[in-house]
Amino acid sequence: MQELLIATKNPGKYSEIMEVVGGLDYEFIFLGDLDLEDGDFEEDGETFEENAKKKAQYYHEKTGFLSLAEDSGIVVNALRGELGLKTRRWGAGENATDEEWIEFFMNRMKEEEERKAKFVCAACVFGFGNEEYFRGETHGTITASLQAPILKGLPLSSCFLPNGQERVYAALEAQEKNEISHRGKAIFAVRDFLADLG
């Protein structure tokens, strides 16, 4: 059975990805379970696709496994240019706890009347001598307060209300969220690609 490395150390992202691809005929490996030296890795691409490819290629070359990586972030109209590719590193910073990060974000948004935002996800599968790209976007608004408990590694899920929905990401059942979320859209496309390969 072919191994597929899910190249993220974020347990929230890993579980969301596995909810979509987990039924495929692959042996899945969580990057967080591997003891890899990766201090030389820099996530410095200029697009979500570039960052996804950099991660997938880097960990493929480190491990020899077919690798699936994604890069995602939120674009908030009121904070144009501030988040996006830098989402997790923005504000309280990537070393902040989920609670610290989202508290900073919600305080920053407190005075903003413009609440529209979109989540973007780009995924890349690397390891066949080339790379394949997949993208998903979901538009919505930022709620005035947290509407659900914080999901580990996914703090924005508690305040992002997708267009046409009555509940924020974190309040949706996993299957419901995967059908409408930016990551779900990208990873369903990945699943179809991997199924065809298999």
N, C-alpha and C. Protein backbone atom coordinates (compact mmCIF):
# COMPACT_ATOMS: atom_id res chain seq x y z
N MET A 1 0.86 -1.20 0.00
CA MET A 1 0.00 0.00 0.00
C MET A 1 0.89 1.24 0.00
N GLN A 2 0.56 2.19 -0.84
CA GLN A 2 1.35 3.42 -0.94
C GLN A 2 1.17 4.31 0.28
N GLU A 3 2.30 4.85 0.77
CA GLU A 3 2.23 5.80 1.87
C GLU A 3 1.91 7.20 1.35
N LEU A 4 1.13 7.94 2.11
CA LEU A 4 0.85 9.34 1.81
C LEU A 4 1.09 10.15 3.07
N LEU A 5 2.06 11.04 3.00
CA LEU A 5 2.37 11.91 4.13
C LEU A 5 1.44 13.12 4.11
N ILE A 6 0.71 13.34 5.21
CA ILE A 6 -0.08 14.56 5.37
C ILE A 6 0.85 15.57 6.04
N ALA A 7 1.36 16.50 5.23
CA ALA A 7 2.48 17.34 5.67
C ALA A 7 2.00 18.56 6.44
N THR A 8 1.43 18.31 7.60
CA THR A 8 1.09 19.37 8.55
C THR A 8 1.33 18.83 9.96
N LYS A 9 1.71 19.72 10.86
CA LYS A 9 1.83 19.36 12.27
C LYS A 9 0.62 19.84 13.08
N ASN A 10 -0.32 20.48 12.38
CA ASN A 10 -1.52 21.03 13.01
C ASN A 10 -2.56 19.92 13.14
N PRO A 11 -2.88 19.48 14.36
CA PRO A 11 -3.81 18.36 14.51
C PRO A 11 -5.21 18.65 13.99
N GLY A 12 -5.63 19.91 14.08
CA GLY A 12 -6.94 20.28 13.56
C GLY A 12 -7.01 20.13 12.05
N LYS A 13 -5.98 20.61 11.36
CA LYS A 13 -5.94 20.48 9.90
C LYS A 13 -5.83 19.01 9.50
N TYR A 14 -5.00 18.26 10.23
CA TYR A 14 -4.82 16.84 9.92
C TYR A 14 -6.15 16.09 10.01
N SER A 15 -6.90 16.33 11.07
CA SER A 15 -8.17 15.60 11.23
C SER A 15 -9.16 16.00 10.15
N GLU A 16 -9.19 17.28 9.77
CA GLU A 16 -10.10 17.71 8.71
C GLU A 16 -9.74 17.06 7.38
N ILE A 17 -8.43 16.98 7.08
CA ILE A 17 -7.99 16.35 5.84
C ILE A 17 -8.34 14.86 5.85
N MET A 18 -8.10 14.20 6.98
CA MET A 18 -8.35 12.77 7.07
C MET A 18 -9.84 12.44 6.97
N GLU A 19 -10.70 13.35 7.42
CA GLU A 19 -12.14 13.12 7.29
C GLU A 19 -12.55 12.98 5.83
N VAL A 20 -11.79 13.60 4.94
CA VAL A 20 -12.11 13.56 3.51
C VAL A 20 -11.38 12.42 2.79
N VAL A 21 -10.08 12.27 3.05
CA VAL A 21 -9.29 11.29 2.27
C VAL A 21 -9.11 9.96 2.97
N GLY A 22 -9.54 9.87 4.24
CA GLY A 22 -9.24 8.70 5.06
C GLY A 22 -9.71 7.38 4.50
N GLY A 23 -10.74 7.38 3.65
CA GLY A 23 -11.26 6.13 3.10
C GLY A 23 -10.49 5.61 1.90
N LEU A 24 -9.52 6.37 1.42
CA LEU A 24 -8.74 5.94 0.25
C LEU A 24 -7.76 4.83 0.63
N ASP A 25 -7.30 4.12 -0.37
CA ASP A 25 -6.43 2.97 -0.16
C ASP A 25 -4.96 3.40 -0.08
N TYR A 26 -4.66 4.17 0.95
CA TYR A 26 -3.30 4.63 1.21
C TYR A 26 -2.98 4.39 2.68
N GLU A 27 -1.70 4.31 2.97
CA GLU A 27 -1.27 4.32 4.38
C GLU A 27 -0.94 5.77 4.72
N PHE A 28 -1.72 6.38 5.60
CA PHE A 28 -1.57 7.80 5.90
C PHE A 28 -0.58 8.00 7.05
N ILE A 29 0.27 9.01 6.88
CA ILE A 29 1.28 9.32 7.89
C ILE A 29 1.11 10.79 8.28
N PHE A 30 1.01 11.04 9.58
CA PHE A 30 0.87 12.40 10.12
C PHE A 30 2.27 12.96 10.39
N LEU A 31 2.56 14.10 9.79
CA LEU A 31 3.88 14.71 9.98
C LEU A 31 4.20 14.91 11.45
N GLY A 32 3.18 15.22 12.25
CA GLY A 32 3.39 15.44 13.67
C GLY A 32 3.90 14.21 14.41
N ASP A 33 3.74 13.03 13.80
CA ASP A 33 4.23 11.80 14.43
C ASP A 33 5.68 11.48 14.07
N LEU A 34 6.25 12.22 13.13
CA LEU A 34 7.61 11.95 12.70
C LEU A 34 8.58 12.87 13.43
N ASP A 35 9.71 12.33 13.78
CA ASP A 35 10.75 13.12 14.47
C ASP A 35 11.73 13.63 13.42
N LEU A 36 11.33 14.71 12.74
CA LEU A 36 12.13 15.23 11.63
C LEU A 36 12.80 16.54 12.01
N GLU A 37 14.04 16.69 11.60
CA GLU A 37 14.71 17.98 11.72
C GLU A 37 14.28 18.83 10.53
N ASP A 38 13.54 19.90 10.79
CA ASP A 38 13.07 20.74 9.68
C ASP A 38 13.26 22.23 9.97
N GLY A 39 14.26 22.52 10.80
CA GLY A 39 14.52 23.91 11.16
C GLY A 39 14.95 24.78 10.00
N ASP A 40 15.38 24.14 8.90
CA ASP A 40 15.83 24.92 7.74
C ASP A 40 14.69 25.24 6.78
N PHE A 41 13.47 24.77 7.10
CA PHE A 41 12.35 25.01 6.19
C PHE A 41 11.82 26.43 6.36
N GLU A 42 11.64 27.12 5.24
CA GLU A 42 11.09 28.48 5.28
C GLU A 42 9.83 28.54 4.45
N GLU A 43 8.77 29.02 5.05
CA GLU A 43 7.49 29.18 4.34
C GLU A 43 7.43 30.62 3.85
N ASP A 44 8.09 30.86 2.71
CA ASP A 44 8.24 32.25 2.25
C ASP A 44 7.74 32.46 0.83
N GLY A 45 6.81 31.60 0.40
CA GLY A 45 6.23 31.79 -0.92
C GLY A 45 5.37 33.04 -0.99
N GLU A 46 5.08 33.48 -2.21
CA GLU A 46 4.29 34.69 -2.42
C GLU A 46 2.82 34.39 -2.69
N THR A 47 2.48 33.10 -2.79
CA THR A 47 1.08 32.71 -2.96
C THR A 47 0.83 31.48 -2.07
N PHE A 48 -0.45 31.18 -1.85
CA PHE A 48 -0.80 29.97 -1.10
C PHE A 48 -0.27 28.73 -1.83
N GLU A 49 -0.37 28.76 -3.17
CA GLU A 49 0.11 27.61 -3.96
C GLU A 49 1.60 27.41 -3.79
N GLU A 50 2.37 28.50 -3.80
CA GLU A 50 3.83 28.37 -3.63
C GLU A 50 4.16 27.76 -2.28
N ASN A 51 3.49 28.21 -1.24
CA ASN A 51 3.76 27.67 0.10
C ASN A 51 3.37 26.20 0.20
N ALA A 52 2.23 25.84 -0.41
CA ALA A 52 1.81 24.44 -0.38
C ALA A 52 2.83 23.57 -1.10
N LYS A 53 3.31 24.03 -2.26
CA LYS A 53 4.30 23.24 -3.00
C LYS A 53 5.60 23.14 -2.21
N LYS A 54 6.03 24.25 -1.62
CA LYS A 54 7.30 24.22 -0.86
C LYS A 54 7.24 23.18 0.26
N LYS A 55 6.12 23.15 0.97
CA LYS A 55 5.96 22.17 2.06
C LYS A 55 5.93 20.75 1.51
N ALA A 56 5.11 20.53 0.48
CA ALA A 56 4.97 19.17 -0.06
C ALA A 56 6.30 18.66 -0.61
N GLN A 57 7.00 19.53 -1.35
CA GLN A 57 8.29 19.12 -1.93
C GLN A 57 9.34 18.88 -0.85
N TYR A 58 9.41 19.78 0.12
CA TYR A 58 10.40 19.67 1.18
C TYR A 58 10.24 18.36 1.94
N TYR A 59 9.00 18.05 2.34
CA TYR A 59 8.80 16.84 3.15
C TYR A 59 8.85 15.57 2.31
N HIS A 60 8.52 15.68 1.02
CA HIS A 60 8.73 14.52 0.13
C HIS A 60 10.22 14.19 0.04
N GLU A 61 11.03 15.24 -0.13
CA GLU A 61 12.48 15.01 -0.26
C GLU A 61 13.09 14.54 1.05
N LYS A 62 12.51 14.95 2.18
CA LYS A 62 13.01 14.52 3.49
C LYS A 62 12.67 13.05 3.77
N THR A 63 11.48 12.63 3.31
CA THR A 63 10.98 11.32 3.73
C THR A 63 10.89 10.28 2.62
N GLY A 64 10.81 10.74 1.39
CA GLY A 64 10.60 9.83 0.27
C GLY A 64 9.13 9.48 0.06
N PHE A 65 8.24 9.98 0.91
CA PHE A 65 6.82 9.67 0.79
C PHE A 65 6.14 10.62 -0.20
N LEU A 66 5.14 10.12 -0.89
CA LEU A 66 4.20 10.99 -1.59
C LEU A 66 3.63 11.94 -0.53
N SER A 67 3.63 13.25 -0.83
CA SER A 67 3.28 14.22 0.21
C SER A 67 2.12 15.11 -0.23
N LEU A 68 1.21 15.33 0.71
CA LEU A 68 0.11 16.27 0.53
C LEU A 68 0.29 17.39 1.54
N ALA A 69 0.40 18.60 1.03
CA ALA A 69 0.51 19.77 1.91
C ALA A 69 -0.52 20.80 1.49
N GLU A 70 -0.90 21.63 2.43
CA GLU A 70 -1.81 22.73 2.08
C GLU A 70 -1.35 24.00 2.78
N ASP A 71 -1.73 25.11 2.21
CA ASP A 71 -1.51 26.39 2.88
C ASP A 71 -2.84 27.13 2.83
N SER A 72 -3.21 27.70 3.94
CA SER A 72 -4.51 28.36 3.98
C SER A 72 -4.42 29.60 4.86
N GLY A 73 -5.39 30.46 4.67
CA GLY A 73 -5.43 31.68 5.46
C GLY A 73 -6.72 32.42 5.20
N ILE A 74 -6.89 33.49 5.92
CA ILE A 74 -8.11 34.29 5.78
C ILE A 74 -7.74 35.67 5.24
N VAL A 75 -8.59 36.17 4.36
CA VAL A 75 -8.47 37.53 3.84
C VAL A 75 -9.65 38.30 4.41
N VAL A 76 -9.37 39.28 5.25
CA VAL A 76 -10.41 40.07 5.92
C VAL A 76 -10.45 41.44 5.28
N ASN A 77 -11.60 41.82 4.73
CA ASN A 77 -11.69 43.08 3.99
C ASN A 77 -11.20 44.28 4.81
N ALA A 78 -11.57 44.31 6.09
CA ALA A 78 -11.21 45.45 6.93
C ALA A 78 -9.72 45.49 7.25
N LEU A 79 -9.05 44.37 7.13
CA LEU A 79 -7.62 44.28 7.44
C LEU A 79 -6.84 43.89 6.19
N ARG A 80 -7.21 44.52 5.09
CA ARG A 80 -6.64 44.13 3.80
C ARG A 80 -5.11 44.17 3.83
N GLY A 81 -4.50 43.09 3.39
CA GLY A 81 -3.04 43.02 3.34
C GLY A 81 -2.40 42.58 4.64
N GLU A 82 -3.19 42.41 5.71
CA GLU A 82 -2.59 42.10 7.01
C GLU A 82 -2.51 40.60 7.30
N LEU A 83 -3.48 39.83 6.83
CA LEU A 83 -3.49 38.40 7.18
C LEU A 83 -3.08 37.56 5.96
N GLY A 84 -4.03 36.93 5.29
CA GLY A 84 -3.69 36.18 4.09
C GLY A 84 -2.63 35.13 4.35
N LEU A 85 -1.52 35.23 3.61
CA LEU A 85 -0.42 34.27 3.74
C LEU A 85 0.18 34.26 5.15
N LYS A 86 0.00 35.36 5.86
CA LYS A 86 0.63 35.48 7.18
C LYS A 86 -0.35 35.16 8.31
N THR A 87 -1.50 34.58 8.01
CA THR A 87 -2.59 34.49 8.99
C THR A 87 -2.11 34.01 10.35
N ARG A 88 -1.48 32.86 10.42
CA ARG A 88 -1.13 32.32 11.74
C ARG A 88 0.05 33.08 12.38
N ARG A 89 0.86 33.72 11.56
CA ARG A 89 2.01 34.47 12.09
C ARG A 89 1.63 35.91 12.45
N TRP A 90 0.43 36.32 12.05
CA TRP A 90 -0.03 37.70 12.25
C TRP A 90 -0.42 37.93 13.71
N GLY A 91 -0.46 39.19 14.10
CA GLY A 91 -1.03 39.56 15.41
C GLY A 91 -0.25 39.02 16.57
N ALA A 92 -0.87 38.15 17.35
CA ALA A 92 -0.21 37.58 18.53
C ALA A 92 0.91 36.63 18.16
N GLY A 93 0.94 36.19 16.88
CA GLY A 93 2.07 35.40 16.40
C GLY A 93 1.86 33.90 16.47
N GLU A 94 2.71 33.17 15.73
CA GLU A 94 2.51 31.72 15.60
C GLU A 94 2.81 30.96 16.89
N ASN A 95 3.51 31.58 17.82
CA ASN A 95 3.79 30.90 19.09
C ASN A 95 2.70 31.15 20.14
N ALA A 96 1.74 32.01 19.79
CA ALA A 96 0.63 32.27 20.71
C ALA A 96 -0.28 31.05 20.78
N THR A 97 -0.95 30.87 21.90
CA THR A 97 -1.97 29.82 21.98
C THR A 97 -3.14 30.22 21.09
N ASP A 98 -4.00 29.26 20.77
CA ASP A 98 -5.20 29.57 19.99
C ASP A 98 -6.00 30.67 20.68
N GLU A 99 -6.11 30.58 22.00
CA GLU A 99 -6.91 31.55 22.76
C GLU A 99 -6.28 32.95 22.68
N GLU A 100 -4.95 33.03 22.79
CA GLU A 100 -4.27 34.33 22.70
C GLU A 100 -4.41 34.91 21.31
N TRP A 101 -4.27 34.06 20.31
CA TRP A 101 -4.33 34.54 18.92
C TRP A 101 -5.71 35.10 18.62
N ILE A 102 -6.77 34.34 18.97
CA ILE A 102 -8.11 34.78 18.61
C ILE A 102 -8.54 35.98 19.45
N GLU A 103 -8.05 36.09 20.69
CA GLU A 103 -8.36 37.27 21.50
C GLU A 103 -7.79 38.53 20.85
N PHE A 104 -6.56 38.45 20.37
CA PHE A 104 -5.95 39.59 19.68
C PHE A 104 -6.76 39.95 18.44
N PHE A 105 -7.13 38.93 17.66
CA PHE A 105 -7.87 39.16 16.42
C PHE A 105 -9.23 39.81 16.71
N MET A 106 -9.96 39.28 17.68
CA MET A 106 -11.30 39.81 17.97
C MET A 106 -11.21 41.24 18.50
N ASN A 107 -10.18 41.53 19.30
CA ASN A 107 -9.99 42.91 19.77
C ASN A 107 -9.69 43.85 18.61
N ARG A 108 -8.88 43.36 17.66
CA ARG A 108 -8.53 44.17 16.48
C ARG A 108 -9.77 44.46 15.62
N MET A 109 -10.70 43.51 15.58
CA MET A 109 -11.90 43.65 14.74
C MET A 109 -13.02 44.43 15.44
N LYS A 110 -12.88 44.70 16.72
CA LYS A 110 -13.96 45.26 17.53
C LYS A 110 -14.56 46.53 16.94
N GLU A 111 -13.72 47.40 16.41
CA GLU A 111 -14.19 48.70 15.91
C GLU A 111 -14.54 48.66 14.43
N GLU A 112 -14.39 47.52 13.78
CA GLU A 112 -14.59 47.45 12.33
C GLU A 112 -16.05 47.15 11.99
N GLU A 113 -16.62 47.97 11.11
CA GLU A 113 -17.99 47.73 10.64
C GLU A 113 -17.99 46.77 9.47
N GLU A 114 -16.96 46.82 8.64
CA GLU A 114 -16.85 45.91 7.49
C GLU A 114 -16.37 44.55 8.00
N ARG A 115 -17.23 43.53 7.91
CA ARG A 115 -16.93 42.22 8.51
C ARG A 115 -16.73 41.12 7.46
N LYS A 116 -16.77 41.47 6.18
CA LYS A 116 -16.65 40.43 5.15
C LYS A 116 -15.23 39.85 5.12
N ALA A 117 -15.17 38.55 4.82
CA ALA A 117 -13.88 37.86 4.77
C ALA A 117 -14.00 36.65 3.86
N LYS A 118 -12.88 36.11 3.46
CA LYS A 118 -12.90 34.83 2.75
C LYS A 118 -11.73 33.99 3.22
N PHE A 119 -11.97 32.69 3.33
CA PHE A 119 -10.93 31.72 3.62
C PHE A 119 -10.45 31.13 2.30
N VAL A 120 -9.14 30.94 2.19
CA VAL A 120 -8.53 30.37 0.99
C VAL A 120 -7.67 29.18 1.39
N CYS A 121 -7.74 28.12 0.61
CA CYS A 121 -6.86 26.96 0.82
C CYS A 121 -6.29 26.53 -0.53
N ALA A 122 -4.99 26.36 -0.59
CA ALA A 122 -4.33 25.74 -1.74
C ALA A 122 -3.65 24.47 -1.26
N ALA A 123 -3.87 23.38 -1.96
CA ALA A 123 -3.24 22.10 -1.63
C ALA A 123 -2.34 21.68 -2.77
N CYS A 124 -1.32 20.91 -2.42
CA CYS A 124 -0.38 20.41 -3.43
C CYS A 124 -0.03 18.96 -3.09
N VAL A 125 -0.08 18.11 -4.10
CA VAL A 125 0.41 16.74 -3.98
C VAL A 125 1.71 16.66 -4.75
N PHE A 126 2.77 16.22 -4.08
CA PHE A 126 4.11 16.19 -4.69
C PHE A 126 4.71 14.80 -4.51
N GLY A 127 5.31 14.31 -5.60
CA GLY A 127 5.99 13.03 -5.45
C GLY A 127 5.96 12.15 -6.68
N PHE A 128 5.38 12.62 -7.76
CA PHE A 128 5.37 11.85 -9.00
C PHE A 128 6.30 12.49 -10.02
N GLY A 129 7.29 13.21 -9.51
CA GLY A 129 8.17 13.93 -10.42
C GLY A 129 7.58 15.26 -10.84
N ASN A 130 6.39 15.54 -10.37
CA ASN A 130 5.77 16.85 -10.63
C ASN A 130 4.83 17.15 -9.47
N GLU A 131 4.09 18.24 -9.60
CA GLU A 131 3.17 18.60 -8.54
C GLU A 131 1.79 18.85 -9.12
N GLU A 132 0.78 18.60 -8.30
CA GLU A 132 -0.60 18.87 -8.70
C GLU A 132 -1.20 19.82 -7.67
N TYR A 133 -1.97 20.82 -8.16
CA TYR A 133 -2.51 21.85 -7.28
C TYR A 133 -4.04 21.78 -7.23
N PHE A 134 -4.58 22.19 -6.08
CA PHE A 134 -6.02 22.18 -5.84
C PHE A 134 -6.33 23.40 -4.97
N ARG A 135 -7.48 24.05 -5.23
CA ARG A 135 -7.79 25.29 -4.50
C ARG A 135 -9.25 25.32 -4.08
N GLY A 136 -9.50 25.91 -2.92
CA GLY A 136 -10.86 26.12 -2.46
C GLY A 136 -10.98 27.47 -1.78
N GLU A 137 -12.13 28.12 -1.94
CA GLU A 137 -12.40 29.40 -1.28
C GLU A 137 -13.82 29.38 -0.70
N THR A 138 -13.98 30.01 0.45
CA THR A 138 -15.31 30.17 1.04
C THR A 138 -15.44 31.60 1.56
N HIS A 139 -16.50 32.27 1.15
CA HIS A 139 -16.76 33.65 1.57
C HIS A 139 -17.71 33.66 2.77
N GLY A 140 -17.54 34.66 3.61
CA GLY A 140 -18.40 34.77 4.78
C GLY A 140 -18.16 36.08 5.52
N THR A 141 -18.53 36.08 6.80
CA THR A 141 -18.34 37.28 7.64
C THR A 141 -17.75 36.86 8.98
N ILE A 142 -17.12 37.84 9.63
CA ILE A 142 -16.58 37.66 10.98
C ILE A 142 -17.66 38.06 11.98
N THR A 143 -18.02 37.16 12.88
CA THR A 143 -19.03 37.47 13.89
C THR A 143 -18.46 38.41 14.95
N ALA A 144 -19.35 39.07 15.68
CA ALA A 144 -18.91 40.06 16.66
C ALA A 144 -18.30 39.40 17.90
N SER A 145 -18.64 38.13 18.14
CA SER A 145 -18.08 37.39 19.27
C SER A 145 -17.90 35.94 18.85
N LEU A 146 -17.17 35.17 19.64
CA LEU A 146 -16.99 33.75 19.33
C LEU A 146 -18.32 33.03 19.48
N GLN A 147 -18.66 32.21 18.51
CA GLN A 147 -19.97 31.56 18.47
C GLN A 147 -19.92 30.07 18.80
N ALA A 148 -18.72 29.54 19.06
CA ALA A 148 -18.56 28.11 19.36
C ALA A 148 -17.22 27.93 20.06
N PRO A 149 -17.05 26.83 20.79
CA PRO A 149 -15.76 26.55 21.41
C PRO A 149 -14.64 26.48 20.36
N ILE A 150 -13.45 26.87 20.77
CA ILE A 150 -12.30 26.90 19.85
C ILE A 150 -11.86 25.48 19.51
N LEU A 151 -11.71 25.21 18.21
CA LEU A 151 -11.16 23.93 17.75
C LEU A 151 -9.64 24.04 17.76
N LYS A 152 -8.97 23.03 18.30
CA LYS A 152 -7.51 23.07 18.43
C LYS A 152 -6.86 23.31 17.07
N GLY A 153 -6.05 24.37 17.01
CA GLY A 153 -5.34 24.70 15.78
C GLY A 153 -6.15 25.49 14.78
N LEU A 154 -7.43 25.72 15.06
CA LEU A 154 -8.32 26.40 14.10
C LEU A 154 -9.16 27.48 14.80
N PRO A 155 -8.51 28.45 15.44
CA PRO A 155 -9.27 29.41 16.26
C PRO A 155 -10.28 30.25 15.48
N LEU A 156 -9.98 30.57 14.22
CA LEU A 156 -10.90 31.40 13.44
C LEU A 156 -12.21 30.69 13.13
N SER A 157 -12.24 29.37 13.27
CA SER A 157 -13.47 28.62 13.00
C SER A 157 -14.61 29.02 13.94
N SER A 158 -14.26 29.64 15.06
CA SER A 158 -15.28 30.01 16.04
C SER A 158 -15.94 31.35 15.74
N CYS A 159 -15.42 32.08 14.75
CA CYS A 159 -16.00 33.40 14.45
C CYS A 159 -16.20 33.63 12.96
N PHE A 160 -16.00 32.59 12.13
CA PHE A 160 -16.20 32.75 10.68
C PHE A 160 -17.54 32.12 10.30
N LEU A 161 -18.46 32.96 9.84
CA LEU A 161 -19.80 32.52 9.44
C LEU A 161 -19.87 32.48 7.92
N PRO A 162 -19.89 31.28 7.33
CA PRO A 162 -19.94 31.19 5.86
C PRO A 162 -21.25 31.76 5.32
N ASN A 163 -21.18 32.37 4.15
CA ASN A 163 -22.39 32.89 3.51
C ASN A 163 -23.43 31.78 3.36
N GLY A 164 -24.68 32.11 3.70
CA GLY A 164 -25.77 31.15 3.55
C GLY A 164 -25.92 30.19 4.71
N GLN A 165 -25.06 30.31 5.72
CA GLN A 165 -25.12 29.42 6.88
C GLN A 165 -25.59 30.18 8.11
N GLU A 166 -26.15 29.45 9.07
CA GLU A 166 -26.57 30.07 10.33
C GLU A 166 -25.61 29.78 11.46
N ARG A 167 -24.61 28.94 11.21
CA ARG A 167 -23.63 28.58 12.23
C ARG A 167 -22.22 28.76 11.70
N VAL A 168 -21.32 29.15 12.61
CA VAL A 168 -19.92 29.32 12.25
C VAL A 168 -19.30 27.94 11.97
N TYR A 169 -18.13 27.96 11.32
CA TYR A 169 -17.41 26.73 10.99
C TYR A 169 -17.37 25.75 12.17
N ALA A 170 -16.95 26.25 13.35
CA ALA A 170 -16.69 25.35 14.48
C ALA A 170 -17.97 24.73 15.03
N ALA A 171 -19.14 25.29 14.68
CA ALA A 171 -20.41 24.75 15.18
C ALA A 171 -21.03 23.74 14.21
N LEU A 172 -20.40 23.55 13.06
CA LEU A 172 -20.91 22.61 12.07
C LEU A 172 -20.38 21.21 12.35
N GLU A 173 -21.17 20.20 11.98
CA GLU A 173 -20.68 18.83 12.00
C GLU A 173 -19.55 18.71 10.98
N ALA A 174 -18.64 17.78 11.21
CA ALA A 174 -17.46 17.64 10.34
C ALA A 174 -17.85 17.52 8.87
N GLN A 175 -18.84 16.68 8.58
CA GLN A 175 -19.23 16.47 7.18
C GLN A 175 -19.82 17.74 6.58
N GLU A 176 -20.64 18.45 7.37
CA GLU A 176 -21.23 19.71 6.91
C GLU A 176 -20.13 20.71 6.57
N LYS A 177 -19.16 20.82 7.48
CA LYS A 177 -18.09 21.79 7.28
C LYS A 177 -17.26 21.45 6.06
N ASN A 178 -16.92 20.17 5.90
CA ASN A 178 -16.08 19.78 4.78
C ASN A 178 -16.73 20.07 3.44
N GLU A 179 -18.05 20.02 3.39
CA GLU A 179 -18.75 20.26 2.13
C GLU A 179 -18.71 21.72 1.71
N ILE A 180 -18.56 22.63 2.66
CA ILE A 180 -18.62 24.06 2.31
C ILE A 180 -17.32 24.81 2.58
N SER A 181 -16.41 24.21 3.33
CA SER A 181 -15.22 24.96 3.75
C SER A 181 -14.17 25.04 2.63
N HIS A 182 -13.31 26.03 2.75
CA HIS A 182 -12.21 26.22 1.80
C HIS A 182 -11.33 24.98 1.75
N ARG A 183 -10.99 24.44 2.92
CA ARG A 183 -10.12 23.25 2.96
C ARG A 183 -10.86 22.04 2.41
N GLY A 184 -12.13 21.90 2.79
CA GLY A 184 -12.91 20.78 2.28
C GLY A 184 -12.97 20.77 0.77
N LYS A 185 -13.23 21.94 0.17
CA LYS A 185 -13.32 22.02 -1.30
C LYS A 185 -12.01 21.59 -1.95
N ALA A 186 -10.89 22.08 -1.41
CA ALA A 186 -9.59 21.72 -1.98
C ALA A 186 -9.29 20.23 -1.79
N ILE A 187 -9.59 19.71 -0.58
CA ILE A 187 -9.22 18.33 -0.28
C ILE A 187 -10.16 17.33 -0.95
N PHE A 188 -11.41 17.69 -1.19
CA PHE A 188 -12.27 16.81 -1.99
C PHE A 188 -11.70 16.66 -3.41
N ALA A 189 -11.16 17.75 -3.96
CA ALA A 189 -10.51 17.67 -5.28
C ALA A 189 -9.26 16.79 -5.21
N VAL A 190 -8.51 16.91 -4.12
CA VAL A 190 -7.35 16.04 -3.91
C VAL A 190 -7.80 14.58 -3.85
N ARG A 191 -8.87 14.33 -3.12
CA ARG A 191 -9.37 12.94 -2.98
C ARG A 191 -9.70 12.34 -4.34
N ASP A 192 -10.38 13.12 -5.18
CA ASP A 192 -10.74 12.61 -6.52
C ASP A 192 -9.48 12.30 -7.32
N PHE A 193 -8.49 13.17 -7.23
CA PHE A 193 -7.22 12.97 -7.94
C PHE A 193 -6.52 11.70 -7.46
N LEU A 194 -6.43 11.53 -6.14
CA LEU A 194 -5.74 10.36 -5.58
C LEU A 194 -6.51 9.07 -5.88
N ALA A 195 -7.84 9.15 -5.86
CA ALA A 195 -8.65 7.98 -6.19
C ALA A 195 -8.41 7.53 -7.63
N ASP A 196 -8.31 8.50 -8.53
CA ASP A 196 -8.03 8.17 -9.93
C ASP A 196 -6.64 7.56 -10.09
N LEU A 197 -5.68 8.07 -9.32
CA LEU A 197 -4.32 7.52 -9.36
C LEU A 197 -4.31 6.08 -8.91
N GLY A 198 -5.06 5.85 -7.81
CA GLY A 198 -5.06 4.52 -7.19
C GLY A 198 -5.64 3.47 -8.11
